[in-house]
Amino acid sequence: MKKIYLLIIGLAAICLSLYRPVSAETIGCADFKKIESEYVYAQKVYKDLDDKVLGLQQYLINKDKEYKSIDSPLSRKNFEQKVEKEYKAKEEALMKLKTQKQEEIFNNIQSASKIVSAQKKIDVVFDYRVILSGGVDITQDIINYLNANKSAKK
């Protein structure tokens, strides 16, 4: 029985010695939506993606004009099937590219967040909506880091 008490007391002592309260200086926060909207590379990528979407819409408009010039019902049906197949392939490629670029941007922001927080000796970075008060806002520092470093633009 004595051994169990000693074991419990020993475990409690170890747990208490490992406990370290987190001070407000080690908590950071950032507005990740703002970072994404002010990140120059992300702006360029999203503009390029929008241009590709517009190109896809223009493709459909052009194919609609071609469709109207076809007289035979059988030719129209074959044309529809061909265009539908091509459109789906283009749309899937665009969605894949969009997902890939979004992941790249997220990874760049995450890496910049880690680097900036390490430079400022911040242990944890939360989204600004999670913190009610306190903490250090590093949003602008992350934006500046991303826009200043060519390596963050992969």
C-alpha atoms as a PDB file:
ATOM      1  CA  MET A   1       0.000   0.000   0.000  1.00  0.00           C
ATOM      2  CA  LYS A   2       2.871   2.310   0.854  1.00  0.00           C
ATOM      3  CA  LYS A   3       4.397   1.686  -2.587  1.00  0.00           C
ATOM      4  CA  ILE A   4       1.195   2.756  -4.341  1.00  0.00           C
ATOM      5  CA  TYR A   5       1.078   6.023  -2.357  1.00  0.00           C
ATOM      6  CA  LEU A   6       4.731   6.683  -3.138  1.00  0.00           C
ATOM      7  CA  LEU A   7       4.118   5.961  -6.826  1.00  0.00           C
ATOM      8  CA  ILE A   8       1.129   8.346  -6.948  1.00  0.00           C
ATOM      9  CA  ILE A   9       3.075  11.077  -5.120  1.00  0.00           C
ATOM     10  CA  GLY A  10       6.055  10.536  -7.430  1.00  0.00           C
ATOM     11  CA  LEU A  11       3.877  10.783 -10.548  1.00  0.00           C
ATOM     12  CA  ALA A  12       2.204  13.917  -9.212  1.00  0.00           C
ATOM     13  CA  ALA A  13       5.603  15.496  -8.549  1.00  0.00           C
ATOM     14  CA  ILE A  14       6.782  14.671 -12.077  1.00  0.00           C
ATOM     15  CA  CYS A  15       3.592  16.094 -13.607  1.00  0.00           C
ATOM     16  CA  LEU A  16       3.877  19.293 -11.561  1.00  0.00           C
ATOM     17  CA  SER A  17       7.528  19.729 -12.497  1.00  0.00           C
ATOM     18  CA  LEU A  18       6.687  19.417 -16.203  1.00  0.00           C
ATOM     19  CA  TYR A  19       3.823  21.899 -16.010  1.00  0.00           C
ATOM     20  CA  ARG A  20       4.730  25.213 -17.554  1.00  0.00           C
ATOM     21  CA  PRO A  21       2.099  27.914 -17.873  1.00  0.00           C
ATOM     22  CA  VAL A  22       1.900  29.615 -21.236  1.00  0.00           C
ATOM     23  CA  SER A  23       2.437  33.335 -21.010  1.00  0.00           C
ATOM     24  CA  ALA A  24       0.714  35.847 -23.284  1.00  0.00           C
ATOM     25  CA  GLU A  25       4.049  36.685 -24.934  1.00  0.00           C
ATOM     26  CA  THR A  26       4.278  33.222 -26.468  1.00  0.00           C
ATOM     27  CA  ILE A  27       0.862  33.289 -28.139  1.00  0.00           C
ATOM     28  CA  GLY A  28       0.447  34.848 -31.544  1.00  0.00           C
ATOM     29  CA  CYS A  29      -2.534  35.411 -33.767  1.00  0.00           C
ATOM     30  CA  ALA A  30      -2.947  36.109 -37.464  1.00  0.00           C
ATOM     31  CA  ASP A  31      -5.767  36.922 -39.862  1.00  0.00           C
ATOM     32  CA  PHE A  32      -5.161  34.226 -42.454  1.00  0.00           C
ATOM     33  CA  LYS A  33      -7.876  35.528 -44.811  1.00  0.00           C
ATOM     34  CA  LYS A  34      -6.175  38.926 -44.850  1.00  0.00           C
ATOM     35  CA  ILE A  35      -2.797  37.280 -45.409  1.00  0.00           C
ATOM     36  CA  GLU A  36      -4.161  35.363 -48.381  1.00  0.00           C
ATOM     37  CA  SER A  37      -5.829  38.452 -49.853  1.00  0.00           C
ATOM     38  CA  GLU A  38      -2.672  40.574 -49.544  1.00  0.00           C
ATOM     39  CA  TYR A  39      -0.193  37.878 -50.594  1.00  0.00           C
ATOM     40  CA  VAL A  40       0.940  39.015 -54.053  1.00  0.00           C
ATOM     41  CA  TYR A  41       1.647  35.504 -55.329  1.00  0.00           C
ATOM     42  CA  ALA A  42      -1.837  34.352 -54.258  1.00  0.00           C
ATOM     43  CA  GLN A  43      -3.404  37.335 -56.027  1.00  0.00           C
ATOM     44  CA  LYS A  44      -1.534  36.407 -59.224  1.00  0.00           C
ATOM     45  CA  VAL A  45      -2.499  32.741 -58.965  1.00  0.00           C
ATOM     46  CA  TYR A  46      -6.183  33.515 -58.376  1.00  0.00           C
ATOM     47  CA  LYS A  47      -6.204  35.971 -61.285  1.00  0.00           C
ATOM     48  CA  ASP A  48      -4.669  33.311 -63.542  1.00  0.00           C
ATOM     49  CA  LEU A  49      -7.280  30.790 -62.386  1.00  0.00           C
ATOM     50  CA  ASP A  50     -10.078  33.288 -63.071  1.00  0.00           C
ATOM     51  CA  ASP A  51      -8.658  33.827 -66.561  1.00  0.00           C
ATOM     52  CA  LYS A  52      -8.709  30.074 -67.154  1.00  0.00           C
ATOM     53  CA  VAL A  53     -12.356  29.909 -66.021  1.00  0.00           C
ATOM     54  CA  LEU A  54     -13.198  32.710 -68.444  1.00  0.00           C
ATOM     55  CA  GLY A  55     -11.322  30.802 -71.166  1.00  0.00           C
ATOM     56  CA  LEU A  56     -13.447  27.741 -70.413  1.00  0.00           C
ATOM     57  CA  GLN A  57     -16.612  29.829 -70.694  1.00  0.00           C
ATOM     58  CA  GLN A  58     -15.372  31.259 -73.999  1.00  0.00           C
ATOM     59  CA  TYR A  59     -14.750  27.702 -75.192  1.00  0.00           C
ATOM     60  CA  LEU A  60     -18.426  26.885 -74.568  1.00  0.00           C
ATOM     61  CA  ILE A  61     -19.571  30.035 -76.356  1.00  0.00           C
ATOM     62  CA  ASN A  62     -17.463  29.160 -79.399  1.00  0.00           C
ATOM     63  CA  LYS A  63     -18.736  25.576 -79.418  1.00  0.00           C
ATOM     64  CA  ASP A  64     -22.310  26.851 -79.162  1.00  0.00           C
ATOM     65  CA  LYS A  65     -21.756  28.890 -82.340  1.00  0.00           C
ATOM     66  CA  GLU A  66     -20.365  25.815 -84.091  1.00  0.00           C
ATOM     67  CA  TYR A  67     -23.332  23.757 -82.882  1.00  0.00           C
ATOM     68  CA  LYS A  68     -25.820  26.201 -84.379  1.00  0.00           C
ATOM     69  CA  SER A  69     -24.160  25.892 -87.786  1.00  0.00           C
ATOM     70  CA  ILE A  70     -24.613  22.078 -87.902  1.00  0.00           C
ATOM     71  CA  ASP A  71     -27.652  20.939 -89.890  1.00  0.00           C
ATOM     72  CA  SER A  72     -27.843  17.181 -89.368  1.00  0.00           C
ATOM     73  CA  PRO A  73     -29.394  15.885 -86.094  1.00  0.00           C
ATOM     74  CA  LEU A  74     -26.922  12.996 -86.011  1.00  0.00           C
ATOM     75  CA  SER A  75     -23.974  15.354 -86.467  1.00  0.00           C
ATOM     76  CA  ARG A  76     -25.357  17.588 -83.728  1.00  0.00           C
ATOM     77  CA  LYS A  77     -25.613  14.675 -81.313  1.00  0.00           C
ATOM     78  CA  ASN A  78     -22.058  13.539 -82.083  1.00  0.00           C
ATOM     79  CA  PHE A  79     -20.841  17.112 -81.720  1.00  0.00           C
ATOM     80  CA  GLU A  80     -22.594  17.448 -78.339  1.00  0.00           C
ATOM     81  CA  GLN A  81     -20.984  14.262 -77.044  1.00  0.00           C
ATOM     82  CA  LYS A  82     -17.559  15.306 -78.266  1.00  0.00           C
ATOM     83  CA  VAL A  83     -17.833  18.794 -76.738  1.00  0.00           C
ATOM     84  CA  GLU A  84     -19.176  17.423 -73.457  1.00  0.00           C
ATOM     85  CA  LYS A  85     -16.249  15.020 -73.189  1.00  0.00           C
ATOM     86  CA  GLU A  86     -13.713  17.760 -73.990  1.00  0.00           C
ATOM     87  CA  TYR A  87     -15.360  20.187 -71.571  1.00  0.00           C
ATOM     88  CA  LYS A  88     -15.336  17.686 -68.703  1.00  0.00           C
ATOM     89  CA  ALA A  89     -11.640  16.986 -69.293  1.00  0.00           C
ATOM     90  CA  LYS A  90     -10.816  20.708 -69.326  1.00  0.00           C
ATOM     91  CA  GLU A  91     -12.955  21.342 -66.245  1.00  0.00           C
ATOM     92  CA  GLU A  92     -11.332  18.486 -64.303  1.00  0.00           C
ATOM     93  CA  ALA A  93      -7.859  19.736 -65.239  1.00  0.00           C
ATOM     94  CA  LEU A  94      -8.810  23.223 -64.058  1.00  0.00           C
ATOM     95  CA  MET A  95     -10.180  21.924 -60.746  1.00  0.00           C
ATOM     96  CA  LYS A  96      -7.024  19.878 -60.207  1.00  0.00           C
ATOM     97  CA  LEU A  97      -4.860  22.936 -60.924  1.00  0.00           C
ATOM     98  CA  LYS A  98      -6.989  25.070 -58.592  1.00  0.00           C
ATOM     99  CA  THR A  99      -6.647  22.554 -55.752  1.00  0.00           C
ATOM    100  CA  GLN A 100      -2.908  22.261 -56.318  1.00  0.00           C
ATOM    101  CA  LYS A 101      -2.420  26.042 -56.277  1.00  0.00           C
ATOM    102  CA  GLN A 102      -4.578  26.476 -53.156  1.00  0.00           C
ATOM    103  CA  GLU A 103      -2.482  23.866 -51.342  1.00  0.00           C
ATOM    104  CA  GLU A 104       0.710  25.587 -52.478  1.00  0.00           C
ATOM    105  CA  ILE A 105      -0.521  28.956 -51.196  1.00  0.00           C
ATOM    106  CA  PHE A 106      -1.636  27.419 -47.892  1.00  0.00           C
ATOM    107  CA  ASN A 107       1.746  25.705 -47.474  1.00  0.00           C
ATOM    108  CA  ASN A 108       3.575  28.969 -48.219  1.00  0.00           C
ATOM    109  CA  ILE A 109       1.478  30.823 -45.638  1.00  0.00           C
ATOM    110  CA  GLN A 110       1.971  28.064 -43.085  1.00  0.00           C
ATOM    111  CA  SER A 111       5.750  28.048 -43.632  1.00  0.00           C
ATOM    112  CA  ALA A 112       5.927  31.838 -43.374  1.00  0.00           C
ATOM    113  CA  SER A 113       3.867  31.689 -40.188  1.00  0.00           C
ATOM    114  CA  LYS A 114       6.327  29.230 -38.656  1.00  0.00           C
ATOM    115  CA  ILE A 115       9.349  31.310 -39.665  1.00  0.00           C
ATOM    116  CA  VAL A 116       7.905  34.619 -38.470  1.00  0.00           C
ATOM    117  CA  SER A 117       6.702  33.121 -35.192  1.00  0.00           C
ATOM    118  CA  ALA A 118      10.140  31.613 -34.583  1.00  0.00           C
ATOM    119  CA  GLN A 119      11.799  34.986 -35.279  1.00  0.00           C
ATOM    120  CA  LYS A 120       9.460  36.670 -32.795  1.00  0.00           C
ATOM    121  CA  LYS A 121       9.859  33.839 -30.249  1.00  0.00           C
ATOM    122  CA  ILE A 122       6.171  32.941 -30.417  1.00  0.00           C
ATOM    123  CA  ASP A 123       5.335  29.338 -29.541  1.00  0.00           C
ATOM    124  CA  VAL A 124       1.783  29.109 -30.878  1.00  0.00           C
ATOM    125  CA  VAL A 125      -0.090  30.966 -33.631  1.00  0.00           C
ATOM    126  CA  PHE A 126      -3.887  30.939 -33.729  1.00  0.00           C
ATOM    127  CA  ASP A 127      -6.374  32.390 -36.157  1.00  0.00           C
ATOM    128  CA  TYR A 128      -7.303  35.824 -34.807  1.00  0.00           C
ATOM    129  CA  ARG A 129     -10.955  34.759 -34.406  1.00  0.00           C
ATOM    130  CA  VAL A 130     -10.001  32.223 -31.731  1.00  0.00           C
ATOM    131  CA  ILE A 131      -8.303  34.680 -29.368  1.00  0.00           C
ATOM    132  CA  LEU A 132     -10.616  37.001 -27.459  1.00  0.00           C
ATOM    133  CA  SER A 133      -7.881  39.164 -26.002  1.00  0.00           C
ATOM    134  CA  GLY A 134      -4.119  39.233 -25.688  1.00  0.00           C
ATOM    135  CA  GLY A 135      -1.505  37.638 -27.847  1.00  0.00           C
ATOM    136  CA  VAL A 136       0.703  39.193 -30.509  1.00  0.00           C
ATOM    137  CA  ASP A 137      -0.766  39.937 -33.937  1.00  0.00           C
ATOM    138  CA  ILE A 138       1.757  38.836 -36.582  1.00  0.00           C
ATOM    139  CA  THR A 139      -0.523  39.183 -39.616  1.00  0.00           C
ATOM    140  CA  GLN A 140       1.375  42.032 -41.238  1.00  0.00           C
ATOM    141  CA  ASP A 141       4.731  40.420 -40.470  1.00  0.00           C
ATOM    142  CA  ILE A 142       3.663  37.260 -42.306  1.00  0.00           C
ATOM    143  CA  ILE A 143       2.386  39.302 -45.275  1.00  0.00           C
ATOM    144  CA  ASN A 144       5.656  41.239 -45.420  1.00  0.00           C
ATOM    145  CA  TYR A 145       7.692  38.030 -45.227  1.00  0.00           C
ATOM    146  CA  LEU A 146       5.706  36.347 -47.998  1.00  0.00           C
ATOM    147  CA  ASN A 147       5.834  39.325 -50.342  1.00  0.00           C
ATOM    148  CA  ALA A 148       9.530  39.995 -49.693  1.00  0.00           C
ATOM    149  CA  ASN A 149      10.860  36.458 -50.110  1.00  0.00           C
ATOM    150  CA  LYS A 150      11.097  34.944 -53.575  1.00  0.00           C
ATOM    151  CA  SER A 151      11.624  31.508 -52.004  1.00  0.00           C
ATOM    152  CA  ALA A 152       8.070  31.606 -50.626  1.00  0.00           C
ATOM    153  CA  LYS A 153       6.730  31.838 -54.177  1.00  0.00           C
ATOM    154  CA  LYS A 154       7.877  28.378 -55.326  1.00  0.00           C
END
